[in-house]
Amino acid sequence: MSSQHFINQKIFPAARTIKEFEKLLKSKFQVIILLNSHIGQLKSLVQLANKAGKEVFLHVDLVQGLKTDEYATQFICQDIKPAGIISTRKNVVLTAKKHSIIAVQRLFLLDSIALETSYKLLETTKPDYIEVLPGVMPHIIEEVYERTGIPIIAGGLIREKEDVVRALEAGAIGVTTSRQELWNF
């Protein structure tokens, strides 16, 4: 899936609860992100979303009852079948790519050491997308895209509409947010 797939969606709403997820099933969004889920709920939630014409990106690091290793990722890819997987873990991203699931490498860019370590990680994982956190650093969004050429999604600490605008102007293809007041931006 290329960034063209997301051309009409700049906000990627992230559901923290089942109630928020159900709300998103009735929304205009094609792609939704599922956070804080339980392994026993995953298959039915992804199936519900698919019936509603939605594509689920699953943040596997936040799935309760699931160890984030290669075997768990294989299970997610083969049995749950989300459209995409988001993770900070190298082995998860690599396994998702092997199974032709869209892989989003989540990066916490806390300082220059984390940034340099992330560049090395990206050389190995070559994800389809990078989620940069915090997403309120336009100059870092620009730098990461210029250095990698991988489409950027901004996330974390996006609190105001201005944060969304700055991230998009810096080159992010979209913004992930659990703030419902930004979902209609």
N, C-alpha and C. Protein backbone atom coordinates (compact mmCIF):
# COMPACT_ATOMS: atom_id res chain seq x y z
N MET A 1 0.86 -1.18 0.00
CA MET A 1 0.00 0.00 0.00
C MET A 1 0.90 1.23 0.00
N SER A 2 0.68 2.11 -0.91
CA SER A 2 1.48 3.33 -1.00
C SER A 2 0.81 4.45 -0.23
N SER A 3 1.52 5.58 -0.11
CA SER A 3 0.92 6.72 0.56
C SER A 3 -0.28 7.23 -0.23
N GLN A 4 -0.39 6.85 -1.51
CA GLN A 4 -1.56 7.22 -2.30
C GLN A 4 -2.83 6.63 -1.69
N HIS A 5 -2.67 5.49 -1.03
CA HIS A 5 -3.82 4.85 -0.41
C HIS A 5 -4.47 5.79 0.62
N PHE A 6 -3.65 6.62 1.23
CA PHE A 6 -4.12 7.51 2.29
C PHE A 6 -4.43 8.91 1.80
N ILE A 7 -4.44 9.12 0.50
CA ILE A 7 -4.53 10.46 -0.07
C ILE A 7 -5.70 11.28 0.48
N ASN A 8 -6.82 10.64 0.77
CA ASN A 8 -7.99 11.37 1.25
C ASN A 8 -8.11 11.38 2.77
N GLN A 9 -7.11 10.88 3.46
CA GLN A 9 -7.18 10.80 4.92
C GLN A 9 -5.89 11.35 5.51
N LYS A 10 -6.00 12.43 6.24
CA LYS A 10 -4.84 13.04 6.88
C LYS A 10 -4.81 12.76 8.38
N ILE A 11 -5.97 12.42 8.94
CA ILE A 11 -6.07 12.06 10.35
C ILE A 11 -6.30 10.56 10.43
N PHE A 12 -5.48 9.89 11.22
CA PHE A 12 -5.65 8.47 11.48
C PHE A 12 -6.10 8.33 12.92
N PRO A 13 -7.41 8.18 13.13
CA PRO A 13 -7.93 8.13 14.49
C PRO A 13 -7.51 6.83 15.19
N ALA A 14 -7.07 6.99 16.44
CA ALA A 14 -6.62 5.84 17.22
C ALA A 14 -7.60 5.60 18.37
N ALA A 15 -8.22 4.43 18.37
CA ALA A 15 -9.22 4.08 19.38
C ALA A 15 -8.53 3.42 20.57
N ARG A 16 -8.76 3.99 21.74
CA ARG A 16 -8.22 3.41 22.97
C ARG A 16 -9.21 2.45 23.63
N THR A 17 -10.47 2.59 23.33
CA THR A 17 -11.51 1.76 23.95
C THR A 17 -12.40 1.14 22.88
N ILE A 18 -13.16 0.14 23.28
CA ILE A 18 -14.11 -0.50 22.35
C ILE A 18 -15.18 0.52 21.94
N LYS A 19 -15.60 1.36 22.86
CA LYS A 19 -16.60 2.37 22.55
C LYS A 19 -16.09 3.32 21.46
N GLU A 20 -14.84 3.76 21.57
CA GLU A 20 -14.26 4.62 20.54
C GLU A 20 -14.15 3.87 19.22
N PHE A 21 -13.76 2.61 19.29
CA PHE A 21 -13.64 1.79 18.08
C PHE A 21 -14.99 1.68 17.38
N GLU A 22 -16.04 1.41 18.15
CA GLU A 22 -17.38 1.32 17.57
C GLU A 22 -17.81 2.64 16.93
N LYS A 23 -17.44 3.75 17.55
CA LYS A 23 -17.73 5.06 16.98
C LYS A 23 -17.03 5.22 15.63
N LEU A 24 -15.80 4.77 15.55
CA LEU A 24 -15.03 4.89 14.31
C LEU A 24 -15.57 4.00 13.19
N LEU A 25 -16.23 2.91 13.57
CA LEU A 25 -16.82 2.04 12.55
C LEU A 25 -17.91 2.77 11.77
N LYS A 26 -18.51 3.77 12.40
CA LYS A 26 -19.58 4.55 11.75
C LYS A 26 -19.06 5.86 11.16
N SER A 27 -17.76 6.06 11.19
CA SER A 27 -17.17 7.32 10.76
C SER A 27 -16.84 7.32 9.27
N LYS A 28 -16.33 8.45 8.80
CA LYS A 28 -15.91 8.61 7.41
C LYS A 28 -14.55 7.99 7.13
N PHE A 29 -13.80 7.63 8.18
CA PHE A 29 -12.43 7.17 8.02
C PHE A 29 -12.36 5.78 7.41
N GLN A 30 -11.44 5.61 6.48
CA GLN A 30 -11.21 4.29 5.90
C GLN A 30 -10.22 3.50 6.76
N VAL A 31 -9.20 4.19 7.26
CA VAL A 31 -8.16 3.55 8.06
C VAL A 31 -8.32 3.99 9.51
N ILE A 32 -8.38 3.01 10.42
CA ILE A 32 -8.46 3.32 11.84
C ILE A 32 -7.39 2.51 12.57
N ILE A 33 -6.95 3.05 13.69
CA ILE A 33 -5.90 2.41 14.47
C ILE A 33 -6.50 1.90 15.77
N LEU A 34 -6.16 0.68 16.11
CA LEU A 34 -6.64 0.07 17.34
C LEU A 34 -5.50 0.00 18.35
N LEU A 35 -5.72 0.68 19.48
CA LEU A 35 -4.78 0.67 20.59
C LEU A 35 -5.39 -0.13 21.74
N ASN A 36 -4.59 -0.48 22.71
CA ASN A 36 -5.05 -1.04 23.99
C ASN A 36 -6.10 -2.13 23.85
N SER A 37 -5.85 -3.08 23.03
CA SER A 37 -6.82 -4.16 22.83
C SER A 37 -6.41 -5.41 23.60
N HIS A 38 -7.27 -6.39 23.60
CA HIS A 38 -7.02 -7.68 24.24
C HIS A 38 -6.99 -8.74 23.14
N ILE A 39 -6.10 -9.67 23.27
CA ILE A 39 -5.90 -10.68 22.22
C ILE A 39 -7.20 -11.42 21.88
N GLY A 40 -8.05 -11.64 22.87
CA GLY A 40 -9.29 -12.36 22.62
C GLY A 40 -10.30 -11.58 21.80
N GLN A 41 -10.13 -10.26 21.71
CA GLN A 41 -11.07 -9.42 20.97
C GLN A 41 -10.63 -9.14 19.53
N LEU A 42 -9.38 -9.37 19.24
CA LEU A 42 -8.81 -8.89 17.99
C LEU A 42 -9.53 -9.38 16.73
N LYS A 43 -9.72 -10.67 16.63
CA LYS A 43 -10.29 -11.22 15.40
C LYS A 43 -11.67 -10.64 15.13
N SER A 44 -12.53 -10.61 16.15
CA SER A 44 -13.88 -10.10 15.93
C SER A 44 -13.87 -8.60 15.64
N LEU A 45 -12.96 -7.84 16.26
CA LEU A 45 -12.89 -6.40 16.00
C LEU A 45 -12.44 -6.12 14.56
N VAL A 46 -11.45 -6.84 14.11
CA VAL A 46 -10.96 -6.65 12.73
C VAL A 46 -12.05 -7.07 11.74
N GLN A 47 -12.76 -8.14 12.02
CA GLN A 47 -13.84 -8.57 11.14
C GLN A 47 -14.97 -7.54 11.10
N LEU A 48 -15.33 -6.98 12.26
CA LEU A 48 -16.34 -5.92 12.30
C LEU A 48 -15.92 -4.72 11.46
N ALA A 49 -14.67 -4.35 11.60
CA ALA A 49 -14.16 -3.21 10.84
C ALA A 49 -14.20 -3.49 9.34
N ASN A 50 -13.79 -4.68 8.96
CA ASN A 50 -13.80 -5.03 7.54
C ASN A 50 -15.21 -5.01 6.97
N LYS A 51 -16.20 -5.50 7.75
CA LYS A 51 -17.60 -5.46 7.31
C LYS A 51 -18.08 -4.03 7.14
N ALA A 52 -17.52 -3.12 7.94
CA ALA A 52 -17.90 -1.70 7.86
C ALA A 52 -17.07 -0.96 6.80
N GLY A 53 -16.23 -1.68 6.05
CA GLY A 53 -15.42 -1.06 5.01
C GLY A 53 -14.20 -0.34 5.54
N LYS A 54 -13.75 -0.70 6.72
CA LYS A 54 -12.60 -0.05 7.35
C LYS A 54 -11.39 -0.97 7.31
N GLU A 55 -10.23 -0.36 7.31
CA GLU A 55 -8.98 -1.10 7.42
C GLU A 55 -8.38 -0.80 8.78
N VAL A 56 -8.01 -1.84 9.51
CA VAL A 56 -7.48 -1.68 10.85
C VAL A 56 -5.96 -1.79 10.84
N PHE A 57 -5.33 -0.81 11.47
CA PHE A 57 -3.91 -0.88 11.76
C PHE A 57 -3.84 -1.19 13.25
N LEU A 58 -3.19 -2.27 13.57
CA LEU A 58 -3.13 -2.77 14.94
C LEU A 58 -1.79 -2.42 15.57
N HIS A 59 -1.86 -1.74 16.71
CA HIS A 59 -0.64 -1.43 17.44
C HIS A 59 -0.33 -2.63 18.32
N VAL A 60 0.50 -3.54 17.80
CA VAL A 60 0.69 -4.82 18.47
C VAL A 60 1.43 -4.71 19.80
N ASP A 61 2.21 -3.66 20.00
CA ASP A 61 2.92 -3.52 21.28
C ASP A 61 1.94 -3.29 22.43
N LEU A 62 0.71 -2.89 22.12
CA LEU A 62 -0.28 -2.57 23.15
C LEU A 62 -1.37 -3.63 23.30
N VAL A 63 -1.21 -4.77 22.65
CA VAL A 63 -2.20 -5.84 22.76
C VAL A 63 -1.94 -6.62 24.06
N GLN A 64 -2.93 -6.62 24.94
CA GLN A 64 -2.81 -7.36 26.19
C GLN A 64 -2.90 -8.85 25.91
N GLY A 65 -2.05 -9.61 26.58
CA GLY A 65 -2.05 -11.06 26.41
C GLY A 65 -1.25 -11.53 25.22
N LEU A 66 -0.48 -10.65 24.62
CA LEU A 66 0.30 -11.02 23.43
C LEU A 66 1.75 -10.61 23.66
N LYS A 67 2.63 -11.57 23.53
CA LYS A 67 4.06 -11.28 23.58
C LYS A 67 4.45 -10.76 22.19
N THR A 68 5.17 -9.67 22.14
CA THR A 68 5.50 -9.10 20.83
C THR A 68 6.79 -9.71 20.29
N ASP A 69 6.65 -10.92 19.77
CA ASP A 69 7.77 -11.60 19.14
C ASP A 69 7.35 -12.07 17.74
N GLU A 70 8.25 -12.75 17.08
CA GLU A 70 7.99 -13.19 15.70
C GLU A 70 6.79 -14.14 15.62
N TYR A 71 6.65 -15.05 16.60
CA TYR A 71 5.55 -16.01 16.57
C TYR A 71 4.20 -15.33 16.75
N ALA A 72 4.14 -14.38 17.67
CA ALA A 72 2.90 -13.63 17.89
C ALA A 72 2.54 -12.84 16.63
N THR A 73 3.54 -12.27 16.00
CA THR A 73 3.30 -11.49 14.79
C THR A 73 2.81 -12.40 13.66
N GLN A 74 3.37 -13.59 13.56
CA GLN A 74 2.88 -14.54 12.56
C GLN A 74 1.42 -14.87 12.81
N PHE A 75 1.05 -15.08 14.07
CA PHE A 75 -0.34 -15.34 14.43
C PHE A 75 -1.23 -14.18 14.02
N ILE A 76 -0.80 -12.96 14.33
CA ILE A 76 -1.58 -11.77 13.98
C ILE A 76 -1.76 -11.70 12.46
N CYS A 77 -0.68 -11.89 11.73
CA CYS A 77 -0.73 -11.79 10.26
C CYS A 77 -1.60 -12.88 9.63
N GLN A 78 -1.49 -14.10 10.13
CA GLN A 78 -2.18 -15.23 9.51
C GLN A 78 -3.61 -15.41 10.00
N ASP A 79 -3.88 -15.08 11.27
CA ASP A 79 -5.20 -15.35 11.83
C ASP A 79 -6.06 -14.10 11.98
N ILE A 80 -5.47 -13.01 12.43
CA ILE A 80 -6.23 -11.77 12.67
C ILE A 80 -6.35 -10.97 11.38
N LYS A 81 -5.29 -10.89 10.62
CA LYS A 81 -5.23 -10.26 9.31
C LYS A 81 -5.63 -8.78 9.29
N PRO A 82 -4.94 -7.95 10.09
CA PRO A 82 -5.19 -6.51 9.99
C PRO A 82 -4.57 -5.99 8.69
N ALA A 83 -4.97 -4.79 8.29
CA ALA A 83 -4.36 -4.17 7.10
C ALA A 83 -2.93 -3.77 7.38
N GLY A 84 -2.67 -3.38 8.63
CA GLY A 84 -1.34 -2.93 8.99
C GLY A 84 -1.01 -3.22 10.44
N ILE A 85 0.29 -3.23 10.70
CA ILE A 85 0.81 -3.44 12.05
C ILE A 85 1.73 -2.28 12.39
N ILE A 86 1.56 -1.77 13.59
CA ILE A 86 2.41 -0.70 14.11
C ILE A 86 3.19 -1.27 15.28
N SER A 87 4.52 -1.03 15.29
CA SER A 87 5.34 -1.55 16.38
C SER A 87 6.65 -0.79 16.48
N THR A 88 7.20 -0.80 17.67
CA THR A 88 8.54 -0.26 17.88
C THR A 88 9.59 -1.35 17.66
N ARG A 89 9.16 -2.59 17.56
CA ARG A 89 10.07 -3.73 17.56
C ARG A 89 10.47 -4.17 16.15
N LYS A 90 11.76 -4.33 15.97
CA LYS A 90 12.33 -4.72 14.68
C LYS A 90 11.75 -6.04 14.17
N ASN A 91 11.72 -7.07 15.04
CA ASN A 91 11.27 -8.38 14.60
C ASN A 91 9.80 -8.37 14.18
N VAL A 92 8.99 -7.53 14.83
CA VAL A 92 7.58 -7.44 14.47
C VAL A 92 7.42 -6.82 13.09
N VAL A 93 8.13 -5.74 12.84
CA VAL A 93 8.05 -5.06 11.54
C VAL A 93 8.55 -5.98 10.43
N LEU A 94 9.66 -6.66 10.65
CA LEU A 94 10.19 -7.56 9.63
C LEU A 94 9.23 -8.72 9.34
N THR A 95 8.62 -9.27 10.38
CA THR A 95 7.68 -10.38 10.19
C THR A 95 6.43 -9.91 9.45
N ALA A 96 5.93 -8.73 9.79
CA ALA A 96 4.76 -8.19 9.09
C ALA A 96 5.06 -8.05 7.60
N LYS A 97 6.22 -7.53 7.28
CA LYS A 97 6.59 -7.36 5.88
C LYS A 97 6.67 -8.71 5.15
N LYS A 98 7.19 -9.74 5.82
CA LYS A 98 7.26 -11.08 5.22
C LYS A 98 5.87 -11.60 4.86
N HIS A 99 4.88 -11.18 5.62
CA HIS A 99 3.50 -11.65 5.41
C HIS A 99 2.67 -10.67 4.59
N SER A 100 3.33 -9.70 3.98
CA SER A 100 2.67 -8.69 3.13
C SER A 100 1.60 -7.88 3.87
N ILE A 101 1.85 -7.64 5.15
CA ILE A 101 1.02 -6.75 5.95
C ILE A 101 1.76 -5.42 6.01
N ILE A 102 1.04 -4.32 5.88
CA ILE A 102 1.68 -3.01 5.93
C ILE A 102 2.37 -2.84 7.28
N ALA A 103 3.63 -2.47 7.24
CA ALA A 103 4.45 -2.36 8.45
C ALA A 103 4.77 -0.90 8.74
N VAL A 104 4.42 -0.48 9.95
CA VAL A 104 4.72 0.88 10.41
C VAL A 104 5.70 0.77 11.57
N GLN A 105 6.89 1.31 11.37
CA GLN A 105 7.91 1.33 12.42
C GLN A 105 7.69 2.57 13.27
N ARG A 106 7.36 2.36 14.53
CA ARG A 106 7.11 3.47 15.45
C ARG A 106 8.44 3.84 16.11
N LEU A 107 8.78 5.13 16.05
CA LEU A 107 10.04 5.62 16.60
C LEU A 107 9.80 6.68 17.66
N PHE A 108 10.38 6.46 18.84
CA PHE A 108 10.36 7.47 19.89
C PHE A 108 11.66 8.25 19.79
N LEU A 109 11.59 9.45 19.28
CA LEU A 109 12.79 10.26 19.04
C LEU A 109 12.99 11.25 20.19
N LEU A 110 13.61 10.75 21.25
CA LEU A 110 13.77 11.52 22.48
C LEU A 110 15.00 12.42 22.47
N ASP A 111 16.03 12.00 21.73
CA ASP A 111 17.26 12.78 21.68
C ASP A 111 18.04 12.37 20.44
N SER A 112 19.22 12.97 20.25
CA SER A 112 19.99 12.69 19.03
C SER A 112 20.50 11.25 18.98
N ILE A 113 20.76 10.64 20.13
CA ILE A 113 21.19 9.24 20.14
C ILE A 113 20.05 8.35 19.65
N ALA A 114 18.83 8.60 20.12
CA ALA A 114 17.67 7.82 19.67
C ALA A 114 17.45 8.00 18.18
N LEU A 115 17.67 9.21 17.68
CA LEU A 115 17.50 9.47 16.26
C LEU A 115 18.51 8.67 15.43
N GLU A 116 19.77 8.69 15.82
CA GLU A 116 20.80 7.94 15.08
C GLU A 116 20.57 6.44 15.16
N THR A 117 20.15 5.96 16.34
CA THR A 117 19.84 4.53 16.49
C THR A 117 18.67 4.16 15.59
N SER A 118 17.71 5.05 15.48
CA SER A 118 16.54 4.80 14.64
C SER A 118 16.92 4.71 13.17
N TYR A 119 17.84 5.54 12.72
CA TYR A 119 18.27 5.46 11.32
C TYR A 119 18.87 4.09 11.03
N LYS A 120 19.65 3.56 11.96
CA LYS A 120 20.24 2.23 11.78
C LYS A 120 19.15 1.16 11.74
N LEU A 121 18.17 1.28 12.62
CA LEU A 121 17.05 0.35 12.65
C LEU A 121 16.30 0.37 11.32
N LEU A 122 16.06 1.55 10.79
CA LEU A 122 15.30 1.69 9.55
C LEU A 122 16.03 1.09 8.35
N GLU A 123 17.35 1.08 8.38
CA GLU A 123 18.12 0.44 7.32
C GLU A 123 17.84 -1.06 7.29
N THR A 124 17.58 -1.63 8.46
CA THR A 124 17.30 -3.06 8.56
C THR A 124 15.84 -3.37 8.25
N THR A 125 14.92 -2.62 8.86
CA THR A 125 13.50 -2.97 8.75
C THR A 125 12.87 -2.49 7.45
N LYS A 126 13.30 -1.37 6.93
CA LYS A 126 12.72 -0.81 5.70
C LYS A 126 11.19 -0.88 5.73
N PRO A 127 10.58 -0.23 6.74
CA PRO A 127 9.12 -0.30 6.87
C PRO A 127 8.42 0.43 5.74
N ASP A 128 7.13 0.18 5.61
CA ASP A 128 6.33 0.89 4.61
C ASP A 128 6.10 2.34 5.03
N TYR A 129 5.99 2.55 6.35
CA TYR A 129 5.77 3.88 6.93
C TYR A 129 6.55 3.97 8.23
N ILE A 130 6.83 5.21 8.62
CA ILE A 130 7.45 5.49 9.91
C ILE A 130 6.49 6.37 10.68
N GLU A 131 6.23 5.99 11.93
CA GLU A 131 5.48 6.88 12.82
C GLU A 131 6.48 7.55 13.74
N VAL A 132 6.59 8.87 13.63
CA VAL A 132 7.54 9.66 14.41
C VAL A 132 6.83 10.20 15.65
N LEU A 133 7.40 9.91 16.81
CA LEU A 133 6.89 10.42 18.08
C LEU A 133 7.99 11.14 18.84
N PRO A 134 7.76 12.27 19.43
CA PRO A 134 6.53 13.03 19.32
C PRO A 134 6.41 13.68 17.94
N GLY A 135 5.17 13.83 17.51
CA GLY A 135 4.89 14.35 16.18
C GLY A 135 4.86 15.86 16.09
N VAL A 136 5.27 16.53 17.15
CA VAL A 136 5.24 18.00 17.19
C VAL A 136 6.61 18.59 16.90
N MET A 137 7.42 17.86 16.12
CA MET A 137 8.76 18.33 15.77
C MET A 137 8.89 18.40 14.25
N PRO A 138 8.37 19.47 13.65
CA PRO A 138 8.38 19.55 12.18
C PRO A 138 9.77 19.38 11.55
N HIS A 139 10.78 19.96 12.16
CA HIS A 139 12.12 19.85 11.56
C HIS A 139 12.64 18.41 11.59
N ILE A 140 12.24 17.63 12.57
CA ILE A 140 12.66 16.23 12.63
C ILE A 140 11.87 15.41 11.62
N ILE A 141 10.60 15.72 11.45
CA ILE A 141 9.79 15.04 10.42
C ILE A 141 10.45 15.24 9.06
N GLU A 142 10.82 16.48 8.76
CA GLU A 142 11.50 16.78 7.48
C GLU A 142 12.80 16.00 7.35
N GLU A 143 13.60 16.02 8.41
CA GLU A 143 14.90 15.35 8.37
C GLU A 143 14.76 13.85 8.16
N VAL A 144 13.86 13.21 8.90
CA VAL A 144 13.70 11.76 8.79
C VAL A 144 13.24 11.39 7.38
N TYR A 145 12.30 12.16 6.83
CA TYR A 145 11.85 11.85 5.48
C TYR A 145 12.97 12.07 4.45
N GLU A 146 13.69 13.18 4.58
CA GLU A 146 14.78 13.46 3.64
C GLU A 146 15.85 12.37 3.70
N ARG A 147 16.12 11.88 4.88
CA ARG A 147 17.18 10.88 5.03
C ARG A 147 16.74 9.48 4.61
N THR A 148 15.45 9.16 4.80
CA THR A 148 15.00 7.78 4.54
C THR A 148 14.16 7.63 3.27
N GLY A 149 13.42 8.66 2.91
CA GLY A 149 12.49 8.56 1.78
C GLY A 149 11.25 7.74 2.09
N ILE A 150 11.07 7.35 3.34
CA ILE A 150 9.92 6.55 3.76
C ILE A 150 8.83 7.51 4.25
N PRO A 151 7.58 7.32 3.81
CA PRO A 151 6.50 8.22 4.25
C PRO A 151 6.37 8.26 5.77
N ILE A 152 6.15 9.47 6.28
CA ILE A 152 6.11 9.72 7.72
C ILE A 152 4.67 9.96 8.18
N ILE A 153 4.34 9.36 9.31
CA ILE A 153 3.11 9.64 10.03
C ILE A 153 3.54 10.25 11.36
N ALA A 154 2.95 11.37 11.72
CA ALA A 154 3.29 12.04 12.99
C ALA A 154 2.33 11.56 14.07
N GLY A 155 2.85 11.31 15.25
CA GLY A 155 2.00 10.88 16.36
C GLY A 155 2.58 11.32 17.69
N GLY A 156 1.77 11.34 18.69
CA GLY A 156 2.25 11.67 20.03
C GLY A 156 2.32 13.16 20.27
N LEU A 157 1.63 13.61 21.29
CA LEU A 157 1.59 15.00 21.73
C LEU A 157 0.96 15.94 20.71
N ILE A 158 0.22 15.40 19.78
CA ILE A 158 -0.55 16.22 18.84
C ILE A 158 -1.81 16.65 19.59
N ARG A 159 -1.85 17.90 20.00
CA ARG A 159 -2.94 18.36 20.87
C ARG A 159 -3.86 19.38 20.22
N GLU A 160 -3.34 20.13 19.29
CA GLU A 160 -4.08 21.24 18.69
C GLU A 160 -4.12 21.07 17.17
N LYS A 161 -5.06 21.74 16.55
CA LYS A 161 -5.13 21.73 15.08
C LYS A 161 -3.85 22.25 14.47
N GLU A 162 -3.23 23.23 15.13
CA GLU A 162 -1.97 23.79 14.63
C GLU A 162 -0.87 22.74 14.59
N ASP A 163 -0.88 21.80 15.55
CA ASP A 163 0.11 20.71 15.55
C ASP A 163 -0.08 19.83 14.31
N VAL A 164 -1.33 19.59 13.96
CA VAL A 164 -1.64 18.79 12.77
C VAL A 164 -1.12 19.52 11.52
N VAL A 165 -1.44 20.80 11.42
CA VAL A 165 -1.03 21.60 10.26
C VAL A 165 0.48 21.62 10.12
N ARG A 166 1.19 21.85 11.22
CA ARG A 166 2.66 21.90 11.16
C ARG A 166 3.26 20.56 10.73
N ALA A 167 2.71 19.46 11.25
CA ALA A 167 3.22 18.14 10.88
C ALA A 167 3.01 17.87 9.38
N LEU A 168 1.82 18.22 8.88
CA LEU A 168 1.54 18.02 7.46
C LEU A 168 2.40 18.92 6.59
N GLU A 169 2.57 20.15 7.01
CA GLU A 169 3.43 21.08 6.24
C GLU A 169 4.88 20.62 6.22
N ALA A 170 5.30 19.90 7.27
CA ALA A 170 6.68 19.40 7.34
C ALA A 170 6.88 18.16 6.47
N GLY A 171 5.78 17.62 5.94
CA GLY A 171 5.90 16.47 5.04
C GLY A 171 5.27 15.19 5.52
N ALA A 172 4.68 15.18 6.71
CA ALA A 172 3.98 13.98 7.16
C ALA A 172 2.78 13.74 6.25
N ILE A 173 2.52 12.47 5.95
CA ILE A 173 1.36 12.15 5.12
C ILE A 173 0.08 12.18 5.94
N GLY A 174 0.24 12.09 7.26
CA GLY A 174 -0.91 12.09 8.14
C GLY A 174 -0.48 12.13 9.59
N VAL A 175 -1.49 12.18 10.46
CA VAL A 175 -1.27 12.29 11.90
C VAL A 175 -2.13 11.25 12.60
N THR A 176 -1.51 10.49 13.52
CA THR A 176 -2.29 9.59 14.36
C THR A 176 -2.66 10.35 15.62
N THR A 177 -3.90 10.16 16.07
CA THR A 177 -4.32 10.82 17.30
C THR A 177 -5.48 10.08 17.94
N SER A 178 -5.45 10.05 19.26
CA SER A 178 -6.58 9.51 20.01
C SER A 178 -7.48 10.64 20.52
N ARG A 179 -7.11 11.88 20.23
CA ARG A 179 -7.91 13.04 20.63
C ARG A 179 -9.11 13.17 19.69
N GLN A 180 -10.28 12.86 20.22
CA GLN A 180 -11.47 12.86 19.38
C GLN A 180 -11.78 14.24 18.79
N GLU A 181 -11.40 15.29 19.49
CA GLU A 181 -11.67 16.63 18.96
C GLU A 181 -10.87 16.94 17.71
N LEU A 182 -9.82 16.15 17.44
CA LEU A 182 -9.04 16.34 16.22
C LEU A 182 -9.48 15.40 15.10
N TRP A 183 -10.32 14.44 15.41
CA TRP A 183 -10.75 13.48 14.39
C TRP A 183 -11.50 14.15 13.27
N ASN A 184 -12.18 15.24 13.55
CA ASN A 184 -12.97 15.93 12.52
C ASN A 184 -12.22 17.08 11.86
N PHE A 185 -10.93 17.12 12.06
CA PHE A 185 -10.11 18.19 11.48
C PHE A 185 -10.06 18.05 9.98
